[in-house]
Structure formats: structure tokens, C-alpha cells
Amino acid sequence: MQKEPMLEATFNKLSKELEQLKTVERRVIAKVIDTARELGDLKENAEYHAAKDKQGMMEARIVELTDLVGRAQVIDPSKLGHKRVSFGSTVELIDQDDDSEITYTIVGSQESNPDRGLISVGSPMARALLGKEEGDEVTIVLPSGKKKFDVESIEAMEKI
């Protein structure tokens, strides 16, 4: 079973969602289905079919969350040394072609949001950065081709 690295806040959020789905939402959808069932002919009962669809999606989410929470490896980035790039590192890179700066923070797949500079620890870019130190050069294969960057700085991430 492959561990799923994540921040404590994400673990807590997923656990809370799972508990809510199992203890509250399951009962709510069961009542909706029972009420819709009382309306008669199930073949043409839109309320019944909509409730059954919602129940199916909810049960799939419960399975997904149970798996994620069960495989969670909660990591506190503030307790890691960030001399080398690791989970929870915020890395400032300098593009060797145009000297532009770009900053990424390496997080778990559940926290990933590339538009905010949060990249999954399992992404090709993060894998290329892991273990690098300040001053190292890193070549990253992007959709536009290979790019070379210098690792300018590494520090523990801020809270997200």
C-alpha cells in the first residue's frame, strides 16, 4: 500500500468529510430515497433516480476518502530540515534562459494547486527537485521542452 503524504490540515479536513458522509449524509439520502419510493412507479420516478445517483456518487466518495485517509502519511514540514528539497519545501528557481524567478511549494496530491505554485510531490517537476540543494542546477522536462533552472533558495513552506 503506497502512502499518501499530506499536511495535517488536509488529513483533518478529509477525515471530517468522511465522517460527515458516513454519519449524516447517508441517513439523509436514505430518507430521500424512501420518500421518493413512496411516490409510486420507480421506472418513471425522477426523484428516486436522482437520489439513487446521488447515493452512488456519495458512496464512491466514501470509498475514495476511506482509501486516502487509510494511506495518509501526515507530515509536518516545520519539523523537517530544508537544506535539501523535500516535502513541504518552498523552492525558488531561476530560469537560466531569461533569469526569471519561479517559486514552487512541494505538497501532497490533495493539496496540489499548480496555479498557486503548489505542486504534488509525485509530479515530474517535484521529483526532479527532490534532494536538490541551493546552488544546484536542475533540468526539468516541460511540455514546451527541457528547461534548466538554478535552485536559488529552499525553505519550509508557509501555512496554506
N, C-alpha and C. Protein backbone atom coordinates (compact mmCIF):
# COMPACT_ATOMS: atom_id res chain seq x y z
N MET A 1 0.85 -1.18 0.00
CA MET A 1 0.00 0.00 0.00
C MET A 1 0.89 1.24 0.00
N GLN A 2 0.71 2.09 -1.01
CA GLN A 2 1.52 3.29 -1.14
C GLN A 2 0.98 4.39 -0.23
N LYS A 3 1.87 4.94 0.57
CA LYS A 3 1.48 6.02 1.48
C LYS A 3 1.15 7.28 0.69
N GLU A 4 0.26 8.08 1.23
CA GLU A 4 -0.16 9.34 0.62
C GLU A 4 0.29 10.48 1.53
N PRO A 5 1.41 11.16 1.20
CA PRO A 5 1.87 12.24 2.06
C PRO A 5 0.90 13.41 2.02
N MET A 6 0.62 13.99 3.18
CA MET A 6 -0.26 15.16 3.24
C MET A 6 -0.01 15.94 4.52
N LEU A 7 -0.48 17.16 4.50
CA LEU A 7 -0.39 18.02 5.67
C LEU A 7 -1.47 17.63 6.66
N GLU A 8 -1.24 17.95 7.93
CA GLU A 8 -2.21 17.60 8.97
C GLU A 8 -3.57 18.24 8.72
N ALA A 9 -3.58 19.49 8.25
CA ALA A 9 -4.85 20.19 7.99
C ALA A 9 -5.65 19.46 6.92
N THR A 10 -4.98 18.94 5.91
CA THR A 10 -5.67 18.20 4.84
C THR A 10 -6.21 16.89 5.38
N PHE A 11 -5.40 16.19 6.18
CA PHE A 11 -5.85 14.94 6.79
C PHE A 11 -7.11 15.18 7.62
N ASN A 12 -7.09 16.23 8.43
CA ASN A 12 -8.23 16.55 9.28
C ASN A 12 -9.47 16.88 8.45
N LYS A 13 -9.28 17.65 7.38
CA LYS A 13 -10.39 18.03 6.50
C LYS A 13 -11.01 16.79 5.84
N LEU A 14 -10.17 15.90 5.31
CA LEU A 14 -10.67 14.69 4.67
C LEU A 14 -11.36 13.76 5.66
N SER A 15 -10.79 13.65 6.86
CA SER A 15 -11.38 12.80 7.90
C SER A 15 -12.76 13.33 8.31
N LYS A 16 -12.85 14.65 8.42
CA LYS A 16 -14.12 15.28 8.80
C LYS A 16 -15.17 15.06 7.70
N GLU A 17 -14.77 15.22 6.45
CA GLU A 17 -15.69 14.99 5.33
C GLU A 17 -16.17 13.55 5.33
N LEU A 18 -15.25 12.61 5.54
CA LEU A 18 -15.61 11.19 5.56
C LEU A 18 -16.61 10.91 6.67
N GLU A 19 -16.36 11.43 7.86
CA GLU A 19 -17.26 11.23 8.99
C GLU A 19 -18.64 11.82 8.71
N GLN A 20 -18.67 12.99 8.12
CA GLN A 20 -19.94 13.66 7.77
C GLN A 20 -20.74 12.81 6.77
N LEU A 21 -20.06 12.30 5.77
CA LEU A 21 -20.74 11.47 4.76
C LEU A 21 -21.29 10.19 5.39
N LYS A 22 -20.50 9.56 6.24
CA LYS A 22 -20.91 8.29 6.83
C LYS A 22 -22.01 8.44 7.87
N THR A 23 -21.95 9.48 8.69
CA THR A 23 -22.88 9.58 9.82
C THR A 23 -24.11 10.42 9.53
N VAL A 24 -23.99 11.41 8.64
CA VAL A 24 -25.12 12.31 8.39
C VAL A 24 -25.70 12.11 6.99
N GLU A 25 -24.85 12.26 5.99
CA GLU A 25 -25.35 12.25 4.61
C GLU A 25 -25.97 10.91 4.20
N ARG A 26 -25.42 9.81 4.68
CA ARG A 26 -26.01 8.51 4.35
C ARG A 26 -27.47 8.43 4.81
N ARG A 27 -27.73 8.91 6.02
CA ARG A 27 -29.10 8.89 6.56
C ARG A 27 -30.02 9.81 5.76
N VAL A 28 -29.51 10.97 5.41
CA VAL A 28 -30.31 11.95 4.66
C VAL A 28 -30.71 11.36 3.31
N ILE A 29 -29.76 10.80 2.58
CA ILE A 29 -30.07 10.26 1.25
C ILE A 29 -30.98 9.05 1.35
N ALA A 30 -30.85 8.25 2.40
CA ALA A 30 -31.74 7.09 2.59
C ALA A 30 -33.18 7.57 2.78
N LYS A 31 -33.37 8.65 3.53
CA LYS A 31 -34.73 9.19 3.73
C LYS A 31 -35.29 9.72 2.41
N VAL A 32 -34.45 10.41 1.63
CA VAL A 32 -34.90 10.94 0.34
C VAL A 32 -35.33 9.79 -0.58
N ILE A 33 -34.55 8.72 -0.58
CA ILE A 33 -34.89 7.55 -1.41
C ILE A 33 -36.20 6.92 -0.94
N ASP A 34 -36.36 6.78 0.37
CA ASP A 34 -37.61 6.21 0.90
C ASP A 34 -38.81 7.07 0.52
N THR A 35 -38.67 8.38 0.65
CA THR A 35 -39.76 9.29 0.30
C THR A 35 -40.08 9.19 -1.19
N ALA A 36 -39.04 9.16 -2.03
CA ALA A 36 -39.24 9.06 -3.48
C ALA A 36 -39.87 7.72 -3.85
N ARG A 37 -39.48 6.68 -3.14
CA ARG A 37 -40.02 5.35 -3.41
C ARG A 37 -41.54 5.32 -3.16
N GLU A 38 -41.99 6.08 -2.18
CA GLU A 38 -43.41 6.13 -1.84
C GLU A 38 -44.25 6.82 -2.92
N LEU A 39 -43.58 7.53 -3.84
CA LEU A 39 -44.31 8.24 -4.90
C LEU A 39 -44.83 7.30 -5.99
N GLY A 40 -44.45 6.04 -5.92
CA GLY A 40 -45.02 5.08 -6.88
C GLY A 40 -44.00 4.54 -7.86
N ASP A 41 -44.46 4.32 -9.08
CA ASP A 41 -43.72 3.67 -10.17
C ASP A 41 -42.26 4.16 -10.23
N LEU A 42 -41.33 3.25 -9.93
CA LEU A 42 -39.91 3.63 -9.87
C LEU A 42 -39.31 3.86 -11.25
N LYS A 43 -39.89 3.27 -12.30
CA LYS A 43 -39.33 3.43 -13.65
C LYS A 43 -39.38 4.88 -14.12
N GLU A 44 -40.41 5.61 -13.73
CA GLU A 44 -40.57 6.99 -14.19
C GLU A 44 -40.49 7.98 -13.03
N ASN A 45 -39.82 7.60 -11.98
CA ASN A 45 -39.74 8.42 -10.79
C ASN A 45 -38.39 9.17 -10.78
N ALA A 46 -38.41 10.41 -11.27
CA ALA A 46 -37.17 11.19 -11.41
C ALA A 46 -36.52 11.45 -10.06
N GLU A 47 -37.32 11.71 -9.02
CA GLU A 47 -36.76 11.97 -7.70
C GLU A 47 -36.00 10.76 -7.18
N TYR A 48 -36.57 9.58 -7.39
CA TYR A 48 -35.94 8.34 -6.95
C TYR A 48 -34.60 8.13 -7.67
N HIS A 49 -34.62 8.29 -9.00
CA HIS A 49 -33.39 8.07 -9.78
C HIS A 49 -32.31 9.10 -9.46
N ALA A 50 -32.72 10.35 -9.23
CA ALA A 50 -31.76 11.39 -8.86
C ALA A 50 -31.14 11.07 -7.50
N ALA A 51 -31.97 10.62 -6.56
CA ALA A 51 -31.47 10.27 -5.22
C ALA A 51 -30.54 9.07 -5.29
N LYS A 52 -30.88 8.07 -6.10
CA LYS A 52 -30.01 6.89 -6.25
C LYS A 52 -28.67 7.29 -6.88
N ASP A 53 -28.70 8.19 -7.87
CA ASP A 53 -27.46 8.67 -8.48
C ASP A 53 -26.59 9.39 -7.45
N LYS A 54 -27.24 10.25 -6.65
CA LYS A 54 -26.52 10.98 -5.61
C LYS A 54 -25.93 10.01 -4.60
N GLN A 55 -26.69 8.98 -4.25
CA GLN A 55 -26.21 7.97 -3.30
C GLN A 55 -24.99 7.25 -3.87
N GLY A 56 -25.03 6.92 -5.15
CA GLY A 56 -23.90 6.24 -5.78
C GLY A 56 -22.64 7.09 -5.76
N MET A 57 -22.80 8.39 -6.07
CA MET A 57 -21.64 9.29 -6.05
C MET A 57 -21.11 9.46 -4.63
N MET A 58 -22.01 9.54 -3.66
CA MET A 58 -21.60 9.69 -2.28
C MET A 58 -20.83 8.44 -1.80
N GLU A 59 -21.35 7.27 -2.14
CA GLU A 59 -20.67 6.03 -1.74
C GLU A 59 -19.29 5.92 -2.40
N ALA A 60 -19.18 6.37 -3.64
CA ALA A 60 -17.87 6.36 -4.31
C ALA A 60 -16.91 7.30 -3.59
N ARG A 61 -17.40 8.46 -3.15
CA ARG A 61 -16.56 9.41 -2.43
C ARG A 61 -16.14 8.83 -1.07
N ILE A 62 -17.04 8.11 -0.42
CA ILE A 62 -16.71 7.47 0.85
C ILE A 62 -15.59 6.46 0.65
N VAL A 63 -15.67 5.67 -0.41
CA VAL A 63 -14.62 4.68 -0.71
C VAL A 63 -13.29 5.39 -0.97
N GLU A 64 -13.34 6.47 -1.76
CA GLU A 64 -12.13 7.23 -2.08
C GLU A 64 -11.51 7.83 -0.81
N LEU A 65 -12.33 8.45 0.02
CA LEU A 65 -11.83 9.07 1.25
C LEU A 65 -11.30 8.03 2.24
N THR A 66 -11.99 6.89 2.34
CA THR A 66 -11.53 5.83 3.24
C THR A 66 -10.14 5.37 2.82
N ASP A 67 -9.93 5.23 1.51
CA ASP A 67 -8.63 4.83 0.99
C ASP A 67 -7.57 5.90 1.29
N LEU A 68 -7.88 7.16 0.99
CA LEU A 68 -6.92 8.25 1.22
C LEU A 68 -6.54 8.38 2.69
N VAL A 69 -7.54 8.39 3.56
CA VAL A 69 -7.27 8.54 4.99
C VAL A 69 -6.49 7.34 5.51
N GLY A 70 -6.81 6.16 5.00
CA GLY A 70 -6.11 4.95 5.43
C GLY A 70 -4.65 4.91 5.01
N ARG A 71 -4.33 5.56 3.89
CA ARG A 71 -2.96 5.58 3.39
C ARG A 71 -2.21 6.85 3.78
N ALA A 72 -2.86 7.75 4.49
CA ALA A 72 -2.28 9.06 4.81
C ALA A 72 -1.00 8.93 5.62
N GLN A 73 -0.02 9.71 5.21
CA GLN A 73 1.22 9.86 5.96
C GLN A 73 1.31 11.35 6.27
N VAL A 74 0.88 11.71 7.47
CA VAL A 74 0.83 13.12 7.86
C VAL A 74 2.25 13.60 8.12
N ILE A 75 2.61 14.69 7.45
CA ILE A 75 3.96 15.24 7.55
C ILE A 75 3.86 16.70 7.97
N ASP A 76 4.66 17.07 8.95
CA ASP A 76 4.75 18.45 9.41
C ASP A 76 6.05 19.03 8.83
N PRO A 77 5.92 19.85 7.76
CA PRO A 77 7.13 20.40 7.11
C PRO A 77 8.03 21.19 8.04
N SER A 78 7.47 21.79 9.11
CA SER A 78 8.30 22.60 10.01
C SER A 78 9.27 21.74 10.80
N LYS A 79 9.02 20.43 10.84
CA LYS A 79 9.92 19.54 11.60
C LYS A 79 10.99 18.90 10.71
N LEU A 80 10.97 19.23 9.42
CA LEU A 80 11.96 18.69 8.50
C LEU A 80 13.04 19.74 8.26
N GLY A 81 14.26 19.26 8.04
CA GLY A 81 15.31 20.18 7.62
C GLY A 81 15.08 20.49 6.15
N HIS A 82 15.29 21.69 5.75
CA HIS A 82 15.07 22.03 4.34
C HIS A 82 16.37 22.47 3.68
N LYS A 83 17.47 21.81 4.07
CA LYS A 83 18.74 22.04 3.40
C LYS A 83 18.64 21.49 1.98
N ARG A 84 17.95 20.38 1.86
CA ARG A 84 17.65 19.78 0.55
C ARG A 84 16.14 19.88 0.33
N VAL A 85 15.73 19.93 -0.93
CA VAL A 85 14.31 20.00 -1.26
C VAL A 85 13.62 18.71 -0.80
N SER A 86 12.53 18.87 -0.05
CA SER A 86 11.76 17.73 0.42
C SER A 86 10.28 18.13 0.48
N PHE A 87 9.44 17.22 0.96
CA PHE A 87 8.02 17.53 1.12
C PHE A 87 7.90 18.78 1.99
N GLY A 88 7.07 19.72 1.55
CA GLY A 88 6.87 20.94 2.33
C GLY A 88 7.90 22.02 2.08
N SER A 89 8.82 21.80 1.16
CA SER A 89 9.81 22.84 0.83
C SER A 89 9.21 23.83 -0.16
N THR A 90 9.51 25.10 0.08
CA THR A 90 9.22 26.13 -0.91
C THR A 90 10.54 26.41 -1.59
N VAL A 91 10.55 26.24 -2.91
CA VAL A 91 11.78 26.32 -3.69
C VAL A 91 11.68 27.48 -4.67
N GLU A 92 12.68 28.36 -4.61
CA GLU A 92 12.75 29.45 -5.57
C GLU A 92 13.75 29.05 -6.65
N LEU A 93 13.29 29.11 -7.89
CA LEU A 93 14.12 28.72 -9.02
C LEU A 93 14.38 29.92 -9.93
N ILE A 94 15.56 29.94 -10.55
CA ILE A 94 15.89 30.97 -11.53
C ILE A 94 16.05 30.28 -12.87
N ASP A 95 15.26 30.73 -13.86
CA ASP A 95 15.32 30.19 -15.22
C ASP A 95 16.64 30.63 -15.84
N GLN A 96 17.46 29.68 -16.30
CA GLN A 96 18.77 30.01 -16.85
C GLN A 96 18.67 30.76 -18.18
N ASP A 97 17.54 30.62 -18.88
CA ASP A 97 17.40 31.30 -20.18
C ASP A 97 17.13 32.80 -20.04
N ASP A 98 16.25 33.17 -19.11
CA ASP A 98 15.85 34.58 -19.04
C ASP A 98 15.96 35.19 -17.64
N ASP A 99 16.56 34.46 -16.71
CA ASP A 99 16.75 34.94 -15.33
C ASP A 99 15.43 35.22 -14.59
N SER A 100 14.32 34.71 -15.12
CA SER A 100 13.05 34.90 -14.41
C SER A 100 13.00 33.98 -13.20
N GLU A 101 12.23 34.41 -12.21
CA GLU A 101 12.09 33.67 -10.96
C GLU A 101 10.77 32.94 -10.94
N ILE A 102 10.78 31.73 -10.41
CA ILE A 102 9.54 30.99 -10.21
C ILE A 102 9.66 30.26 -8.88
N THR A 103 8.55 30.20 -8.15
CA THR A 103 8.57 29.57 -6.83
C THR A 103 7.53 28.47 -6.78
N TYR A 104 7.93 27.32 -6.27
CA TYR A 104 7.02 26.19 -6.09
C TYR A 104 7.12 25.68 -4.66
N THR A 105 6.01 25.18 -4.17
CA THR A 105 5.99 24.51 -2.88
C THR A 105 5.55 23.08 -3.11
N ILE A 106 6.30 22.13 -2.55
CA ILE A 106 6.02 20.71 -2.77
C ILE A 106 5.08 20.20 -1.68
N VAL A 107 3.92 19.74 -2.12
CA VAL A 107 2.86 19.30 -1.21
C VAL A 107 2.32 17.94 -1.66
N GLY A 108 1.34 17.42 -0.94
CA GLY A 108 0.70 16.17 -1.32
C GLY A 108 -0.28 16.37 -2.47
N SER A 109 -0.70 15.29 -3.08
CA SER A 109 -1.60 15.39 -4.23
C SER A 109 -2.92 16.06 -3.87
N GLN A 110 -3.37 15.92 -2.62
CA GLN A 110 -4.64 16.52 -2.22
C GLN A 110 -4.53 18.04 -2.03
N GLU A 111 -3.32 18.55 -1.82
CA GLU A 111 -3.12 19.98 -1.63
C GLU A 111 -2.69 20.68 -2.93
N SER A 112 -2.31 19.89 -3.90
CA SER A 112 -1.75 20.41 -5.14
C SER A 112 -2.67 21.43 -5.81
N ASN A 113 -2.08 22.54 -6.23
CA ASN A 113 -2.79 23.58 -6.96
C ASN A 113 -1.73 24.36 -7.74
N PRO A 114 -1.38 23.87 -8.93
CA PRO A 114 -0.30 24.50 -9.70
C PRO A 114 -0.48 25.99 -9.94
N ASP A 115 -1.74 26.44 -10.07
CA ASP A 115 -1.98 27.87 -10.29
C ASP A 115 -1.51 28.71 -9.11
N ARG A 116 -1.45 28.10 -7.92
CA ARG A 116 -0.97 28.79 -6.70
C ARG A 116 0.48 28.41 -6.39
N GLY A 117 1.13 27.67 -7.28
CA GLY A 117 2.52 27.28 -7.06
C GLY A 117 2.68 26.07 -6.15
N LEU A 118 1.58 25.36 -5.90
CA LEU A 118 1.63 24.16 -5.05
C LEU A 118 1.65 22.94 -5.96
N ILE A 119 2.79 22.23 -5.97
CA ILE A 119 2.91 21.08 -6.87
C ILE A 119 3.00 19.78 -6.07
N SER A 120 2.38 18.76 -6.62
CA SER A 120 2.34 17.45 -5.96
C SER A 120 3.72 16.84 -5.89
N VAL A 121 4.01 16.22 -4.75
CA VAL A 121 5.29 15.55 -4.54
C VAL A 121 5.52 14.46 -5.59
N GLY A 122 4.45 13.95 -6.18
CA GLY A 122 4.58 12.91 -7.21
C GLY A 122 4.69 13.43 -8.62
N SER A 123 4.61 14.75 -8.80
CA SER A 123 4.67 15.32 -10.15
C SER A 123 6.10 15.24 -10.70
N PRO A 124 6.24 15.21 -12.03
CA PRO A 124 7.59 15.16 -12.61
C PRO A 124 8.49 16.31 -12.15
N MET A 125 7.92 17.51 -12.04
CA MET A 125 8.72 18.64 -11.61
C MET A 125 9.21 18.47 -10.17
N ALA A 126 8.32 18.07 -9.28
CA ALA A 126 8.71 17.87 -7.88
C ALA A 126 9.75 16.76 -7.76
N ARG A 127 9.56 15.68 -8.50
CA ARG A 127 10.53 14.57 -8.44
C ARG A 127 11.91 15.03 -8.90
N ALA A 128 11.94 15.93 -9.90
CA ALA A 128 13.23 16.45 -10.37
C ALA A 128 13.89 17.34 -9.31
N LEU A 129 13.07 18.01 -8.49
CA LEU A 129 13.60 18.94 -7.48
C LEU A 129 14.01 18.25 -6.18
N LEU A 130 13.35 17.15 -5.83
CA LEU A 130 13.61 16.48 -4.55
C LEU A 130 15.10 16.15 -4.38
N GLY A 131 15.63 16.51 -3.23
CA GLY A 131 17.03 16.20 -2.93
C GLY A 131 18.02 17.26 -3.38
N LYS A 132 17.56 18.23 -4.17
CA LYS A 132 18.46 19.29 -4.65
C LYS A 132 18.76 20.26 -3.50
N GLU A 133 19.92 20.94 -3.61
CA GLU A 133 20.33 21.93 -2.62
C GLU A 133 20.44 23.29 -3.29
N GLU A 134 20.51 24.34 -2.45
CA GLU A 134 20.71 25.68 -3.00
C GLU A 134 21.97 25.69 -3.85
N GLY A 135 21.88 26.33 -5.02
CA GLY A 135 23.03 26.40 -5.93
C GLY A 135 23.05 25.28 -6.96
N ASP A 136 22.29 24.22 -6.74
CA ASP A 136 22.24 23.12 -7.72
C ASP A 136 21.53 23.59 -8.99
N GLU A 137 21.88 22.91 -10.07
CA GLU A 137 21.20 23.12 -11.35
C GLU A 137 20.24 21.95 -11.53
N VAL A 138 19.06 22.22 -12.06
CA VAL A 138 18.10 21.16 -12.30
C VAL A 138 17.52 21.33 -13.70
N THR A 139 17.44 20.22 -14.42
CA THR A 139 16.82 20.23 -15.74
C THR A 139 15.45 19.59 -15.61
N ILE A 140 14.45 20.33 -16.05
CA ILE A 140 13.07 19.85 -15.93
C ILE A 140 12.47 19.76 -17.32
N VAL A 141 11.86 18.62 -17.61
CA VAL A 141 11.20 18.44 -18.89
C VAL A 141 9.77 18.96 -18.77
N LEU A 142 9.50 20.02 -19.53
CA LEU A 142 8.18 20.64 -19.54
C LEU A 142 7.52 20.36 -20.89
N PRO A 143 6.22 20.58 -21.00
CA PRO A 143 5.56 20.37 -22.29
C PRO A 143 6.23 21.17 -23.42
N SER A 144 6.79 22.33 -23.07
CA SER A 144 7.46 23.17 -24.08
C SER A 144 8.90 22.74 -24.36
N GLY A 145 9.37 21.70 -23.65
CA GLY A 145 10.74 21.22 -23.84
C GLY A 145 11.52 21.26 -22.54
N LYS A 146 12.83 20.97 -22.63
CA LYS A 146 13.67 20.97 -21.43
C LYS A 146 14.03 22.39 -21.05
N LYS A 147 14.00 22.64 -19.74
CA LYS A 147 14.42 23.94 -19.22
C LYS A 147 15.39 23.70 -18.07
N LYS A 148 16.37 24.59 -17.98
CA LYS A 148 17.34 24.50 -16.88
C LYS A 148 17.09 25.64 -15.90
N PHE A 149 17.13 25.25 -14.63
CA PHE A 149 16.92 26.21 -13.55
C PHE A 149 18.06 26.08 -12.54
N ASP A 150 18.33 27.17 -11.84
CA ASP A 150 19.22 27.15 -10.69
C ASP A 150 18.34 27.20 -9.45
N VAL A 151 18.68 26.39 -8.45
CA VAL A 151 17.94 26.42 -7.19
C VAL A 151 18.49 27.59 -6.39
N GLU A 152 17.68 28.63 -6.26
CA GLU A 152 18.09 29.87 -5.60
C GLU A 152 17.97 29.75 -4.08
N SER A 153 16.81 29.24 -3.61
CA SER A 153 16.62 29.10 -2.17
C SER A 153 15.63 27.99 -1.86
N ILE A 154 15.75 27.46 -0.65
CA ILE A 154 14.86 26.41 -0.16
C ILE A 154 14.50 26.77 1.27
N GLU A 155 13.21 26.73 1.58
CA GLU A 155 12.79 26.97 2.97
C GLU A 155 11.52 26.18 3.26
N ALA A 156 11.22 26.05 4.54
CA ALA A 156 9.98 25.37 4.93
C ALA A 156 8.80 26.21 4.46
N MET A 157 7.79 25.54 4.00
CA MET A 157 6.61 26.23 3.48
C MET A 157 5.89 27.02 4.55
N GLU A 158 5.17 28.06 4.10
CA GLU A 158 4.26 28.79 4.96
C GLU A 158 2.99 27.95 5.07
N LYS A 159 2.14 28.24 6.01
CA LYS A 159 0.86 27.56 6.12
C LYS A 159 0.04 27.86 4.87
N ILE A 160 -0.71 26.83 4.42
CA ILE A 160 -1.59 27.09 3.26
C ILE A 160 -3.03 27.03 3.69
